[in-house]
């Protein structure tokens, strides 16, 4: 089923101020935060909870964790090699950005069809490994706005 050009980006940060990045299975040079397409009749927030569970195994609802809506919306060009996944003539994606703070002991279980590996990285190393500018901007926003909560 072809998708609409709407997605979520969920930055996952732990209490040691490290960020979760995952290596894509379909492009091993591409590291990213949790992302995923919003399904028909699904809210962006519901999609964020679903994608976190699918991609990392973190069941936020069962664990009493809250995903925060950062009220940031990005618009970017869909990579040409991924356009076949979208409805015809879709070239721009709208991305809604969220944040999840987890304990440093949080376990991660990757979805093997989507990601090959994961790392917890400090802010600077995270920026260096990410491909997407919108992902880098979201990481920077989270880093700048959650520091005081972690000290």
C-alpha atoms as a PDB file:
ATOM      1  CA  UNK A   1       0.000   0.000   0.000  1.00  0.00           C
ATOM      2  CA  UNK A   2       1.397   3.369  -1.005  1.00  0.00           C
ATOM      3  CA  UNK A   3       1.688   5.893   1.751  1.00  0.00           C
ATOM      4  CA  UNK A   4       0.762   9.517   2.182  1.00  0.00           C
ATOM      5  CA  UNK A   5       3.673  11.933   2.702  1.00  0.00           C
ATOM      6  CA  UNK A   6       3.210  12.374   6.461  1.00  0.00           C
ATOM      7  CA  UNK A   7       5.536  10.914   9.068  1.00  0.00           C
ATOM      8  CA  UNK A   8       6.858  11.167  12.595  1.00  0.00           C
ATOM      9  CA  UNK A   9      10.364  11.524  13.948  1.00  0.00           C
ATOM     10  CA  UNK A  10      10.860  10.454  17.565  1.00  0.00           C
ATOM     11  CA  UNK A  11      14.125  11.434  19.231  1.00  0.00           C
ATOM     12  CA  UNK A  12      14.908   8.999  22.038  1.00  0.00           C
ATOM     13  CA  UNK A  13      17.265  10.352  24.667  1.00  0.00           C
ATOM     14  CA  UNK A  14      18.419   8.607  27.827  1.00  0.00           C
ATOM     15  CA  UNK A  15      19.065  10.081  31.248  1.00  0.00           C
ATOM     16  CA  UNK A  16      22.823  10.202  30.560  1.00  0.00           C
ATOM     17  CA  UNK A  17      22.098  12.614  27.704  1.00  0.00           C
ATOM     18  CA  UNK A  18      22.807  10.071  24.980  1.00  0.00           C
ATOM     19  CA  UNK A  19      20.709   9.673  21.856  1.00  0.00           C
ATOM     20  CA  UNK A  20      19.519   6.471  20.239  1.00  0.00           C
ATOM     21  CA  UNK A  21      20.471   6.082  16.577  1.00  0.00           C
ATOM     22  CA  UNK A  22      19.651   3.080  14.425  1.00  0.00           C
ATOM     23  CA  UNK A  23      21.218   1.793  11.230  1.00  0.00           C
ATOM     24  CA  UNK A  24      18.705   1.251   8.419  1.00  0.00           C
ATOM     25  CA  UNK A  25      18.534  -2.238   6.932  1.00  0.00           C
ATOM     26  CA  UNK A  26      17.756  -0.928   3.437  1.00  0.00           C
ATOM     27  CA  UNK A  27      20.660   1.578   3.490  1.00  0.00           C
ATOM     28  CA  UNK A  28      23.384   0.679   6.028  1.00  0.00           C
ATOM     29  CA  UNK A  29      25.081   4.072   5.598  1.00  0.00           C
ATOM     30  CA  UNK A  30      21.912   5.768   6.895  1.00  0.00           C
ATOM     31  CA  UNK A  31      21.592   6.201  10.677  1.00  0.00           C
ATOM     32  CA  UNK A  32      18.493   7.782  12.180  1.00  0.00           C
ATOM     33  CA  UNK A  33      16.145   8.191  15.112  1.00  0.00           C
ATOM     34  CA  UNK A  34      12.768   6.430  15.137  1.00  0.00           C
ATOM     35  CA  UNK A  35      10.731   7.394  12.073  1.00  0.00           C
ATOM     36  CA  UNK A  36       7.635   6.140  10.389  1.00  0.00           C
ATOM     37  CA  UNK A  37       4.673   6.943   8.211  1.00  0.00           C
ATOM     38  CA  UNK A  38       1.376   8.043   9.668  1.00  0.00           C
ATOM     39  CA  UNK A  39      -1.362   5.620   8.696  1.00  0.00           C
ATOM     40  CA  UNK A  40      -4.803   6.681   7.522  1.00  0.00           C
ATOM     41  CA  UNK A  41      -7.024   7.807  10.433  1.00  0.00           C
ATOM     42  CA  UNK A  42      -4.024   7.759  12.812  1.00  0.00           C
ATOM     43  CA  UNK A  43      -2.863  10.813  14.746  1.00  0.00           C
ATOM     44  CA  UNK A  44       0.780  11.792  14.666  1.00  0.00           C
ATOM     45  CA  UNK A  45       1.070  11.060  18.400  1.00  0.00           C
ATOM     46  CA  UNK A  46      -0.494   7.602  18.044  1.00  0.00           C
ATOM     47  CA  UNK A  47       1.948   6.932  15.194  1.00  0.00           C
ATOM     48  CA  UNK A  48       4.861   7.993  17.417  1.00  0.00           C
ATOM     49  CA  UNK A  49       3.869   5.473  20.102  1.00  0.00           C
ATOM     50  CA  UNK A  50       3.364   2.737  17.487  1.00  0.00           C
ATOM     51  CA  UNK A  51       6.672   3.388  15.729  1.00  0.00           C
ATOM     52  CA  UNK A  52       8.647   3.461  18.984  1.00  0.00           C
ATOM     53  CA  UNK A  53       7.188   0.075  19.894  1.00  0.00           C
ATOM     54  CA  UNK A  54       7.727  -1.416  16.411  1.00  0.00           C
ATOM     55  CA  UNK A  55      11.277  -0.151  15.935  1.00  0.00           C
ATOM     56  CA  UNK A  56      12.720  -0.385  19.460  1.00  0.00           C
ATOM     57  CA  UNK A  57      10.461  -2.718  21.449  1.00  0.00           C
ATOM     58  CA  UNK A  58       9.801   0.061  23.986  1.00  0.00           C
ATOM     59  CA  UNK A  59       6.169  -0.176  25.049  1.00  0.00           C
ATOM     60  CA  UNK A  60       5.723   3.335  26.394  1.00  0.00           C
ATOM     61  CA  UNK A  61       2.157   2.773  27.552  1.00  0.00           C
ATOM     62  CA  UNK A  62       3.002  -0.343  29.575  1.00  0.00           C
ATOM     63  CA  UNK A  63       6.112   1.315  31.022  1.00  0.00           C
ATOM     64  CA  UNK A  64       4.342   4.569  31.893  1.00  0.00           C
ATOM     65  CA  UNK A  65       6.494   6.670  29.555  1.00  0.00           C
ATOM     66  CA  UNK A  66       5.205   9.763  27.820  1.00  0.00           C
ATOM     67  CA  UNK A  67       6.188  10.801  24.323  1.00  0.00           C
ATOM     68  CA  UNK A  68       6.280  14.606  24.144  1.00  0.00           C
ATOM     69  CA  UNK A  69       5.084  16.507  21.095  1.00  0.00           C
ATOM     70  CA  UNK A  70       7.744  19.134  20.372  1.00  0.00           C
ATOM     71  CA  UNK A  71       5.342  21.108  18.154  1.00  0.00           C
ATOM     72  CA  UNK A  72       7.934  21.084  15.379  1.00  0.00           C
ATOM     73  CA  UNK A  73       6.900  20.314  11.822  1.00  0.00           C
ATOM     74  CA  UNK A  74       9.437  19.793   9.048  1.00  0.00           C
ATOM     75  CA  UNK A  75       8.938  19.680   5.299  1.00  0.00           C
ATOM     76  CA  UNK A  76      11.608  18.029   3.182  1.00  0.00           C
ATOM     77  CA  UNK A  77      12.136  16.415  -0.179  1.00  0.00           C
ATOM     78  CA  UNK A  78      11.597  12.659  -0.200  1.00  0.00           C
ATOM     79  CA  UNK A  79      14.747  10.827  -1.267  1.00  0.00           C
ATOM     80  CA  UNK A  80      14.310   9.757  -4.912  1.00  0.00           C
ATOM     81  CA  UNK A  81      15.054   6.098  -4.089  1.00  0.00           C
ATOM     82  CA  UNK A  82      12.142   6.077  -1.590  1.00  0.00           C
ATOM     83  CA  UNK A  83       9.481   7.824  -3.711  1.00  0.00           C
ATOM     84  CA  UNK A  84       8.086   4.536  -4.981  1.00  0.00           C
ATOM     85  CA  UNK A  85       6.754   3.932  -1.446  1.00  0.00           C
ATOM     86  CA  UNK A  86       4.533   7.005  -1.682  1.00  0.00           C
ATOM     87  CA  UNK A  87       1.385   7.848  -3.598  1.00  0.00           C
ATOM     88  CA  UNK A  88       1.995   9.211  -7.122  1.00  0.00           C
ATOM     89  CA  UNK A  89       3.559  12.663  -7.471  1.00  0.00           C
ATOM     90  CA  UNK A  90       4.552  12.921  -3.805  1.00  0.00           C
ATOM     91  CA  UNK A  91       7.928  14.621  -3.510  1.00  0.00           C
ATOM     92  CA  UNK A  92       7.638  16.525  -0.208  1.00  0.00           C
ATOM     93  CA  UNK A  93       7.103  14.870   3.175  1.00  0.00           C
ATOM     94  CA  UNK A  94       5.644  16.540   6.263  1.00  0.00           C
ATOM     95  CA  UNK A  95       7.297  15.301   9.454  1.00  0.00           C
ATOM     96  CA  UNK A  96       6.040  15.811  13.029  1.00  0.00           C
ATOM     97  CA  UNK A  97       8.724  15.729  15.729  1.00  0.00           C
ATOM     98  CA  UNK A  98       8.480  14.073  19.157  1.00  0.00           C
ATOM     99  CA  UNK A  99      10.788  13.305  22.080  1.00  0.00           C
ATOM    100  CA  UNK A 100      11.022  10.387  24.493  1.00  0.00           C
ATOM    101  CA  UNK A 101      13.232  10.426  27.582  1.00  0.00           C
ATOM    102  CA  UNK A 102      14.133   6.928  28.838  1.00  0.00           C
ATOM    103  CA  UNK A 103      16.233   5.515  31.679  1.00  0.00           C
ATOM    104  CA  UNK A 104      19.831   4.693  30.814  1.00  0.00           C
ATOM    105  CA  UNK A 105      19.001   1.030  31.490  1.00  0.00           C
ATOM    106  CA  UNK A 106      16.314   0.934  28.781  1.00  0.00           C
ATOM    107  CA  UNK A 107      16.644  -2.162  26.620  1.00  0.00           C
ATOM    108  CA  UNK A 108      16.233  -1.937  22.855  1.00  0.00           C
ATOM    109  CA  UNK A 109      14.927  -4.711  20.593  1.00  0.00           C
ATOM    110  CA  UNK A 110      15.273  -3.756  16.934  1.00  0.00           C
ATOM    111  CA  UNK A 111      12.839  -4.778  14.224  1.00  0.00           C
ATOM    112  CA  UNK A 112      15.208  -6.845  12.015  1.00  0.00           C
ATOM    113  CA  UNK A 113      13.512  -5.851   8.751  1.00  0.00           C
ATOM    114  CA  UNK A 114      14.060  -2.172   9.500  1.00  0.00           C
ATOM    115  CA  UNK A 115      17.335  -1.787  11.389  1.00  0.00           C
ATOM    116  CA  UNK A 116      20.630  -3.655  11.605  1.00  0.00           C
ATOM    117  CA  UNK A 117      22.178  -2.062  14.688  1.00  0.00           C
ATOM    118  CA  UNK A 118      21.782   0.698  17.240  1.00  0.00           C
ATOM    119  CA  UNK A 119      24.027   2.937  19.307  1.00  0.00           C
ATOM    120  CA  UNK A 120      23.619   5.323  22.204  1.00  0.00           C
ATOM    121  CA  UNK A 121      25.776   8.345  21.356  1.00  0.00           C
ATOM    122  CA  UNK A 122      26.602  11.687  22.905  1.00  0.00           C
ATOM    123  CA  UNK A 123      25.322  14.829  21.217  1.00  0.00           C
ATOM    124  CA  UNK A 124      28.331  15.533  18.983  1.00  0.00           C
ATOM    125  CA  UNK A 125      28.770  11.926  17.838  1.00  0.00           C
ATOM    126  CA  UNK A 126      25.047  11.726  17.095  1.00  0.00           C
ATOM    127  CA  UNK A 127      25.217  14.767  14.823  1.00  0.00           C
ATOM    128  CA  UNK A 128      28.182  13.283  12.982  1.00  0.00           C
ATOM    129  CA  UNK A 129      26.511   9.954  12.199  1.00  0.00           C
ATOM    130  CA  UNK A 130      23.048  11.194  11.168  1.00  0.00           C
ATOM    131  CA  UNK A 131      22.231  11.710   7.492  1.00  0.00           C
ATOM    132  CA  UNK A 132      19.027  13.742   7.779  1.00  0.00           C
ATOM    133  CA  UNK A 133      19.194  17.471   8.478  1.00  0.00           C
ATOM    134  CA  UNK A 134      15.749  17.432  10.108  1.00  0.00           C
ATOM    135  CA  UNK A 135      16.947  14.653  12.429  1.00  0.00           C
ATOM    136  CA  UNK A 136      20.067  16.696  13.326  1.00  0.00           C
ATOM    137  CA  UNK A 137      17.918  19.746  14.056  1.00  0.00           C
ATOM    138  CA  UNK A 138      15.589  17.694  16.282  1.00  0.00           C
ATOM    139  CA  UNK A 139      18.551  16.237  18.193  1.00  0.00           C
ATOM    140  CA  UNK A 140      19.952  19.737  18.700  1.00  0.00           C
ATOM    141  CA  UNK A 141      16.590  21.007  19.943  1.00  0.00           C
ATOM    142  CA  UNK A 142      16.283  18.118  22.406  1.00  0.00           C
ATOM    143  CA  UNK A 143      19.867  18.505  23.583  1.00  0.00           C
ATOM    144  CA  UNK A 144      19.407  22.213  24.233  1.00  0.00           C
ATOM    145  CA  UNK A 145      16.023  21.856  25.947  1.00  0.00           C
ATOM    146  CA  UNK A 146      16.510  18.770  28.123  1.00  0.00           C
ATOM    147  CA  UNK A 147      19.949  19.430  29.622  1.00  0.00           C
ATOM    148  CA  UNK A 148      18.507  21.110  32.704  1.00  0.00           C
ATOM    149  CA  UNK A 149      16.192  18.157  33.324  1.00  0.00           C
ATOM    150  CA  UNK A 150      19.074  15.683  33.304  1.00  0.00           C
ATOM    151  CA  UNK A 151      21.452  17.384  35.732  1.00  0.00           C
END
